[in-house]
Amino acid sequence: MDPTKRLLFWLRIPYAADVALALIGVGFLLAGRSVGWWVLLFTFVRAVIGTIALFWLAPKLIARHWPDDDSTADQPNTPDDPQVP
């Protein structure tokens, strides 16, 4: 598996856990337990951190660790492409 795809996979997986935590929090609230608000707050913070990691940190990490990874390598060069020799 491509290292870039593996990194993005492991950054996306926590969103499934966030959905499960949100459902647990809603379940607590429906049962009349106020701890559900804390679970939802925790879930929100996890989702924000995961989004930052996915859209801000991941591209920087990919560029630093795999600089030669060119996802457009299989596409032909165009005449105005500066990489054409």
N, C-alpha and C. Protein backbone atom coordinates (compact mmCIF):
# COMPACT_ATOMS: atom_id res chain seq x y z
N MET A 1 0.85 -1.18 0.00
CA MET A 1 0.00 0.00 0.00
C MET A 1 0.89 1.24 0.00
N ASP A 2 0.49 2.22 -0.75
CA ASP A 2 1.20 3.47 -0.86
C ASP A 2 1.26 4.15 0.52
N PRO A 3 2.42 4.65 0.95
CA PRO A 3 2.52 5.28 2.27
C PRO A 3 1.58 6.47 2.45
N THR A 4 1.34 7.21 1.39
CA THR A 4 0.45 8.36 1.47
C THR A 4 -0.98 7.90 1.76
N LYS A 5 -1.42 6.87 1.04
CA LYS A 5 -2.77 6.36 1.26
C LYS A 5 -2.90 5.76 2.65
N ARG A 6 -1.85 5.10 3.12
CA ARG A 6 -1.89 4.52 4.46
C ARG A 6 -2.01 5.62 5.53
N LEU A 7 -1.25 6.69 5.37
CA LEU A 7 -1.34 7.80 6.32
C LEU A 7 -2.73 8.41 6.32
N LEU A 8 -3.28 8.65 5.15
CA LEU A 8 -4.62 9.24 5.08
C LEU A 8 -5.68 8.29 5.64
N PHE A 9 -5.49 6.98 5.45
CA PHE A 9 -6.42 6.01 6.03
C PHE A 9 -6.42 6.12 7.54
N TRP A 10 -5.25 6.16 8.15
CA TRP A 10 -5.18 6.22 9.61
C TRP A 10 -5.60 7.58 10.16
N LEU A 11 -5.60 8.61 9.34
CA LEU A 11 -6.11 9.90 9.79
C LEU A 11 -7.64 9.97 9.67
N ARG A 12 -8.22 9.16 8.79
CA ARG A 12 -9.68 9.18 8.61
C ARG A 12 -10.41 8.24 9.57
N ILE A 13 -9.76 7.18 10.02
CA ILE A 13 -10.39 6.19 10.89
C ILE A 13 -10.98 6.81 12.16
N PRO A 14 -10.33 7.76 12.81
CA PRO A 14 -10.91 8.31 14.04
C PRO A 14 -12.29 8.95 13.86
N TYR A 15 -12.65 9.31 12.63
CA TYR A 15 -13.99 9.88 12.43
C TYR A 15 -15.07 8.84 12.73
N ALA A 16 -14.80 7.57 12.48
CA ALA A 16 -15.76 6.52 12.84
C ALA A 16 -15.93 6.45 14.35
N ALA A 17 -14.83 6.59 15.07
CA ALA A 17 -14.91 6.62 16.54
C ALA A 17 -15.67 7.85 17.01
N ASP A 18 -15.51 8.97 16.33
CA ASP A 18 -16.24 10.18 16.70
C ASP A 18 -17.74 10.00 16.53
N VAL A 19 -18.13 9.32 15.48
CA VAL A 19 -19.56 9.06 15.26
C VAL A 19 -20.10 8.18 16.39
N ALA A 20 -19.33 7.15 16.75
CA ALA A 20 -19.76 6.27 17.84
C ALA A 20 -19.86 7.03 19.15
N LEU A 21 -18.89 7.89 19.43
CA LEU A 21 -18.93 8.69 20.66
C LEU A 21 -20.11 9.66 20.65
N ALA A 22 -20.40 10.24 19.52
CA ALA A 22 -21.54 11.15 19.44
C ALA A 22 -22.85 10.40 19.71
N LEU A 23 -22.97 9.20 19.19
CA LEU A 23 -24.16 8.40 19.46
C LEU A 23 -24.28 8.04 20.93
N ILE A 24 -23.16 7.75 21.56
CA ILE A 24 -23.17 7.46 22.99
C ILE A 24 -23.58 8.70 23.77
N GLY A 25 -23.04 9.86 23.38
CA GLY A 25 -23.41 11.10 24.06
C GLY A 25 -24.89 11.41 23.92
N VAL A 26 -25.43 11.22 22.73
CA VAL A 26 -26.87 11.44 22.51
C VAL A 26 -27.68 10.45 23.33
N GLY A 27 -27.19 9.20 23.41
CA GLY A 27 -27.87 8.21 24.23
C GLY A 27 -27.91 8.62 25.69
N PHE A 28 -26.81 9.15 26.19
CA PHE A 28 -26.79 9.65 27.57
C PHE A 28 -27.79 10.79 27.75
N LEU A 29 -27.82 11.70 26.79
CA LEU A 29 -28.75 12.82 26.90
C LEU A 29 -30.20 12.36 26.86
N LEU A 30 -30.50 11.41 26.00
CA LEU A 30 -31.87 10.89 25.92
C LEU A 30 -32.26 10.14 27.20
N ALA A 31 -31.28 9.58 27.88
CA ALA A 31 -31.54 8.88 29.14
C ALA A 31 -31.61 9.84 30.31
N GLY A 32 -31.41 11.13 30.05
CA GLY A 32 -31.50 12.12 31.11
C GLY A 32 -30.21 12.31 31.89
N ARG A 33 -29.11 11.80 31.39
CA ARG A 33 -27.82 11.95 32.06
C ARG A 33 -27.08 13.13 31.45
N SER A 34 -26.69 14.06 32.26
CA SER A 34 -26.03 15.26 31.75
C SER A 34 -24.59 15.01 31.31
N VAL A 35 -24.04 13.84 31.63
CA VAL A 35 -22.69 13.52 31.19
C VAL A 35 -22.62 13.46 29.66
N GLY A 36 -23.77 13.33 29.01
CA GLY A 36 -23.81 13.31 27.55
C GLY A 36 -23.24 14.57 26.94
N TRP A 37 -23.43 15.72 27.61
CA TRP A 37 -22.86 16.97 27.10
C TRP A 37 -21.34 16.92 27.10
N TRP A 38 -20.75 16.31 28.13
CA TRP A 38 -19.30 16.20 28.19
C TRP A 38 -18.78 15.25 27.11
N VAL A 39 -19.53 14.17 26.87
CA VAL A 39 -19.13 13.24 25.82
C VAL A 39 -19.20 13.94 24.46
N LEU A 40 -20.25 14.73 24.23
CA LEU A 40 -20.36 15.45 22.96
C LEU A 40 -19.27 16.51 22.82
N LEU A 41 -18.93 17.18 23.91
CA LEU A 41 -17.85 18.16 23.86
C LEU A 41 -16.52 17.47 23.53
N PHE A 42 -16.26 16.35 24.18
CA PHE A 42 -15.05 15.59 23.90
C PHE A 42 -15.01 15.14 22.44
N THR A 43 -16.15 14.69 21.93
CA THR A 43 -16.24 14.26 20.54
C THR A 43 -15.97 15.41 19.59
N PHE A 44 -16.51 16.58 19.90
CA PHE A 44 -16.28 17.76 19.07
C PHE A 44 -14.79 18.13 19.03
N VAL A 45 -14.14 18.10 20.17
CA VAL A 45 -12.71 18.44 20.23
C VAL A 45 -11.90 17.42 19.44
N ARG A 46 -12.23 16.13 19.57
CA ARG A 46 -11.55 15.09 18.79
C ARG A 46 -11.72 15.32 17.30
N ALA A 47 -12.93 15.68 16.88
CA ALA A 47 -13.19 15.90 15.46
C ALA A 47 -12.42 17.11 14.93
N VAL A 48 -12.33 18.16 15.72
CA VAL A 48 -11.58 19.34 15.29
C VAL A 48 -10.10 19.02 15.15
N ILE A 49 -9.55 18.31 16.12
CA ILE A 49 -8.14 17.94 16.05
C ILE A 49 -7.89 17.01 14.86
N GLY A 50 -8.80 16.07 14.62
CA GLY A 50 -8.65 15.17 13.48
C GLY A 50 -8.72 15.90 12.15
N THR A 51 -9.59 16.90 12.07
CA THR A 51 -9.70 17.68 10.84
C THR A 51 -8.44 18.50 10.59
N ILE A 52 -7.89 19.07 11.65
CA ILE A 52 -6.63 19.81 11.52
C ILE A 52 -5.53 18.87 11.05
N ALA A 53 -5.48 17.68 11.63
CA ALA A 53 -4.44 16.72 11.23
C ALA A 53 -4.62 16.30 9.78
N LEU A 54 -5.85 16.12 9.36
CA LEU A 54 -6.11 15.63 8.01
C LEU A 54 -5.83 16.67 6.93
N PHE A 55 -6.23 17.90 7.18
CA PHE A 55 -6.14 18.92 6.12
C PHE A 55 -4.96 19.87 6.25
N TRP A 56 -4.30 19.91 7.42
CA TRP A 56 -3.19 20.84 7.58
C TRP A 56 -1.87 20.10 7.81
N LEU A 57 -1.87 19.13 8.71
CA LEU A 57 -0.63 18.44 9.02
C LEU A 57 -0.28 17.35 8.01
N ALA A 58 -1.26 16.62 7.52
CA ALA A 58 -0.98 15.52 6.60
C ALA A 58 -0.27 15.98 5.33
N PRO A 59 -0.71 17.05 4.66
CA PRO A 59 0.03 17.47 3.46
C PRO A 59 1.48 17.86 3.76
N LYS A 60 1.71 18.47 4.92
CA LYS A 60 3.09 18.82 5.28
C LYS A 60 3.93 17.57 5.53
N LEU A 61 3.34 16.60 6.22
CA LEU A 61 4.04 15.36 6.51
C LEU A 61 4.34 14.60 5.23
N ILE A 62 3.37 14.54 4.34
CA ILE A 62 3.56 13.83 3.07
C ILE A 62 4.65 14.50 2.25
N ALA A 63 4.65 15.82 2.20
CA ALA A 63 5.66 16.54 1.43
C ALA A 63 7.06 16.36 2.02
N ARG A 64 7.14 16.25 3.33
CA ARG A 64 8.45 16.13 3.96
C ARG A 64 9.01 14.71 3.85
N HIS A 65 8.18 13.70 4.05
CA HIS A 65 8.67 12.33 4.07
C HIS A 65 8.72 11.68 2.70
N TRP A 66 7.87 12.08 1.79
CA TRP A 66 7.82 11.47 0.46
C TRP A 66 7.84 12.56 -0.60
N PRO A 67 8.94 13.31 -0.71
CA PRO A 67 8.97 14.42 -1.68
C PRO A 67 8.93 13.96 -3.12
N ASP A 68 9.35 12.72 -3.41
CA ASP A 68 9.36 12.23 -4.78
C ASP A 68 8.03 11.62 -5.17
N ASP A 69 7.07 11.59 -4.27
CA ASP A 69 5.76 11.00 -4.56
C ASP A 69 4.97 11.97 -5.42
N ASP A 70 4.87 11.62 -6.70
CA ASP A 70 4.14 12.46 -7.64
C ASP A 70 2.92 11.69 -8.11
N SER A 71 1.76 12.11 -7.67
CA SER A 71 0.54 11.38 -8.01
C SER A 71 0.15 11.55 -9.48
N THR A 72 0.77 12.49 -10.17
CA THR A 72 0.46 12.71 -11.58
C THR A 72 1.53 12.08 -12.48
N ALA A 73 2.31 11.15 -11.96
CA ALA A 73 3.41 10.56 -12.74
C ALA A 73 2.90 9.77 -13.94
N ASP A 74 1.70 9.21 -13.86
CA ASP A 74 1.20 8.43 -14.97
C ASP A 74 0.53 9.28 -16.04
N GLN A 75 0.38 10.57 -15.81
CA GLN A 75 -0.24 11.45 -16.78
C GLN A 75 0.84 12.02 -17.70
N PRO A 76 0.53 12.16 -18.99
CA PRO A 76 1.53 12.71 -19.90
C PRO A 76 1.75 14.21 -19.64
N ASN A 77 2.97 14.64 -19.94
CA ASN A 77 3.30 16.06 -19.79
C ASN A 77 2.65 16.87 -20.89
N THR A 78 2.22 18.06 -20.56
CA THR A 78 1.65 18.96 -21.53
C THR A 78 2.73 19.89 -22.04
N PRO A 79 2.53 20.51 -23.20
CA PRO A 79 3.58 21.39 -23.75
C PRO A 79 3.94 22.55 -22.84
N ASP A 80 2.97 23.06 -22.08
CA ASP A 80 3.28 24.19 -21.22
C ASP A 80 3.73 23.75 -19.82
N ASP A 81 3.96 22.46 -19.63
CA ASP A 81 4.44 21.94 -18.36
C ASP A 81 5.92 22.27 -18.23
N PRO A 82 6.35 22.92 -17.15
CA PRO A 82 7.76 23.30 -17.00
C PRO A 82 8.69 22.11 -16.81
N GLN A 83 8.16 20.90 -16.54
CA GLN A 83 8.99 19.74 -16.33
C GLN A 83 9.39 19.05 -17.64
N VAL A 84 8.83 19.51 -18.75
CA VAL A 84 9.17 18.92 -20.04
C VAL A 84 10.59 19.32 -20.40
N PRO A 85 11.46 18.33 -20.74
CA PRO A 85 12.86 18.69 -21.04
C PRO A 85 12.99 19.38 -22.39
